[in-house]
Amino acid sequence: MQLPPASLPAQDWHALWHRSLDDPSLWRTLSLGNSQAPGRALRYAASQPRLLASIQELHLEFAAGVTDALLLPLAGAALEALNLNGCQKCAAPAGARLLHAATRRGGLPRAASL
């Protein structure tokens, strides 16, 4: 992704900003480690099919309040890496289901910390 010239009019910046948010390369890694409220971001990611399809790495190490209910909707992502270290409210079966769904979609987890 390249930066536009600084002389771009404001409305063009606005349009460019929204187009750049749709760039799949921006969403390859979703890192919410140590986050106090990752639920909103996880629900949003699960509700956006294009975004969900782009996520390859999910890092939630020591994120507060991550539960199975927040993780299971993310099964549509072809995860290659998943870090749930320190997520006390997650059961190992939910993480395993996420990894299983990723392998069915062609993603082979290169790293998984449950």
Protein backbone atom coordinates (compact mmCIF):
# COMPACT_ATOMS: atom_id res chain seq x y z
CA MET A 1 0.00 0.00 0.00
CA GLN A 2 1.43 3.37 -1.01
CA LEU A 3 0.84 6.74 0.62
CA PRO A 4 -0.91 9.39 -1.48
CA PRO A 5 0.45 12.89 -2.04
CA ALA A 6 -0.14 15.39 0.78
CA SER A 7 -1.90 17.79 -1.61
CA LEU A 8 -4.90 15.48 -2.00
CA PRO A 9 -8.28 17.20 -1.29
CA ALA A 10 -10.06 16.23 1.95
CA GLN A 11 -12.88 14.27 0.28
CA ASP A 12 -10.31 12.23 -1.64
CA TRP A 13 -8.48 11.47 1.61
CA HIS A 14 -11.75 10.28 3.09
CA ALA A 15 -12.49 8.00 0.13
CA LEU A 16 -8.92 6.73 0.12
CA TRP A 17 -9.10 5.99 3.86
CA HIS A 18 -12.20 3.83 3.39
CA ARG A 19 -10.70 2.02 0.39
CA SER A 20 -7.52 1.32 2.32
CA LEU A 21 -9.51 -0.18 5.21
CA ASP A 22 -10.81 -2.74 2.71
CA ASP A 23 -7.25 -3.75 1.77
CA PRO A 24 -6.92 -7.41 2.87
CA SER A 25 -3.23 -6.99 3.67
CA LEU A 26 -4.19 -4.65 6.50
CA TRP A 27 -6.12 -7.42 8.25
CA ARG A 28 -3.69 -10.36 7.99
CA THR A 29 -2.85 -10.11 11.68
CA LEU A 30 -5.41 -9.30 14.34
CA SER A 31 -3.41 -8.62 17.49
CA LEU A 32 -5.44 -7.86 20.60
CA GLY A 33 -2.97 -9.14 23.19
CA ASN A 34 -3.34 -7.57 26.65
CA SER A 35 -6.52 -5.85 25.49
CA GLN A 36 -9.05 -5.11 28.21
CA ALA A 37 -12.07 -5.30 25.89
CA PRO A 38 -11.39 -7.33 22.74
CA GLY A 39 -15.01 -8.47 22.38
CA ARG A 40 -16.13 -5.59 20.19
CA ALA A 41 -13.27 -6.06 17.73
CA LEU A 42 -13.78 -9.83 17.61
CA ARG A 43 -17.52 -9.49 16.99
CA TYR A 44 -16.86 -6.95 14.24
CA ALA A 45 -14.28 -9.18 12.56
CA ALA A 46 -16.67 -12.13 12.66
CA SER A 47 -19.47 -10.04 11.11
CA GLN A 48 -17.43 -8.89 8.09
CA PRO A 49 -16.90 -11.74 5.61
CA ARG A 50 -14.11 -9.99 3.64
CA LEU A 51 -12.28 -9.11 6.82
CA LEU A 52 -12.74 -12.58 8.29
CA ALA A 53 -11.37 -14.20 5.14
CA SER A 54 -8.23 -12.02 5.39
CA ILE A 55 -7.26 -12.88 8.97
CA GLN A 56 -4.33 -15.29 9.05
CA GLU A 57 -2.98 -14.64 12.54
CA LEU A 58 -4.98 -14.08 15.70
CA HIS A 59 -3.10 -12.99 18.82
CA LEU A 60 -5.14 -12.75 22.01
CA GLU A 61 -2.46 -13.40 24.60
CA PHE A 62 -3.69 -12.23 28.03
CA ALA A 63 -6.68 -10.45 26.49
CA ALA A 64 -9.34 -9.99 29.15
CA GLY A 65 -12.80 -11.44 28.70
CA VAL A 66 -12.16 -13.65 25.67
CA THR A 67 -14.70 -16.46 25.82
CA ASP A 68 -15.69 -19.39 23.65
CA ALA A 69 -18.72 -17.41 22.46
CA LEU A 70 -16.40 -14.73 21.02
CA LEU A 71 -14.06 -17.26 19.39
CA LEU A 72 -16.43 -19.67 17.69
CA PRO A 73 -17.81 -17.16 15.15
CA LEU A 74 -14.22 -16.71 13.93
CA ALA A 75 -14.14 -20.29 12.64
CA GLY A 76 -14.55 -18.89 9.11
CA ALA A 77 -11.01 -17.50 9.16
CA ALA A 78 -8.22 -19.57 7.59
CA LEU A 79 -5.92 -19.07 10.55
CA GLU A 80 -2.26 -19.92 10.28
CA ALA A 81 -1.37 -18.79 13.80
CA LEU A 82 -3.44 -18.60 16.96
CA ASN A 83 -2.29 -17.41 20.38
CA LEU A 84 -4.73 -17.83 23.27
CA ASN A 85 -2.08 -17.96 25.99
CA GLY A 86 -3.49 -16.59 29.24
CA CYS A 87 -7.12 -16.46 28.06
CA GLN A 88 -8.56 -17.99 31.21
CA LYS A 89 -12.20 -18.01 30.08
CA CYS A 90 -11.52 -20.02 26.92
CA ALA A 91 -11.85 -23.76 26.94
CA ALA A 92 -9.32 -25.79 24.99
CA PRO A 93 -12.08 -27.36 22.85
CA ALA A 94 -13.04 -23.92 21.45
CA GLY A 95 -9.45 -23.28 20.38
CA ALA A 96 -9.25 -26.77 18.94
CA ARG A 97 -12.44 -26.14 16.92
CA LEU A 98 -10.93 -22.93 15.55
CA LEU A 99 -7.79 -24.80 14.50
CA HIS A 100 -9.84 -27.64 13.03
CA ALA A 101 -11.91 -25.17 10.99
CA ALA A 102 -8.72 -23.48 9.77
CA THR A 103 -7.20 -26.75 8.59
CA ARG A 104 -10.41 -27.63 6.72
CA ARG A 105 -10.17 -24.29 4.90
CA GLY A 106 -6.57 -24.93 3.86
CA GLY A 107 -4.80 -23.02 6.60
CA LEU A 108 -2.18 -25.06 8.41
CA PRO A 109 -1.42 -23.61 11.81
CA ARG A 110 2.27 -22.82 11.99
CA ALA A 111 1.91 -21.80 15.61
CA ALA A 112 -0.77 -22.46 18.14
CA SER A 113 -0.60 -21.57 21.79
CA LEU A 114 -3.68 -22.67 23.66
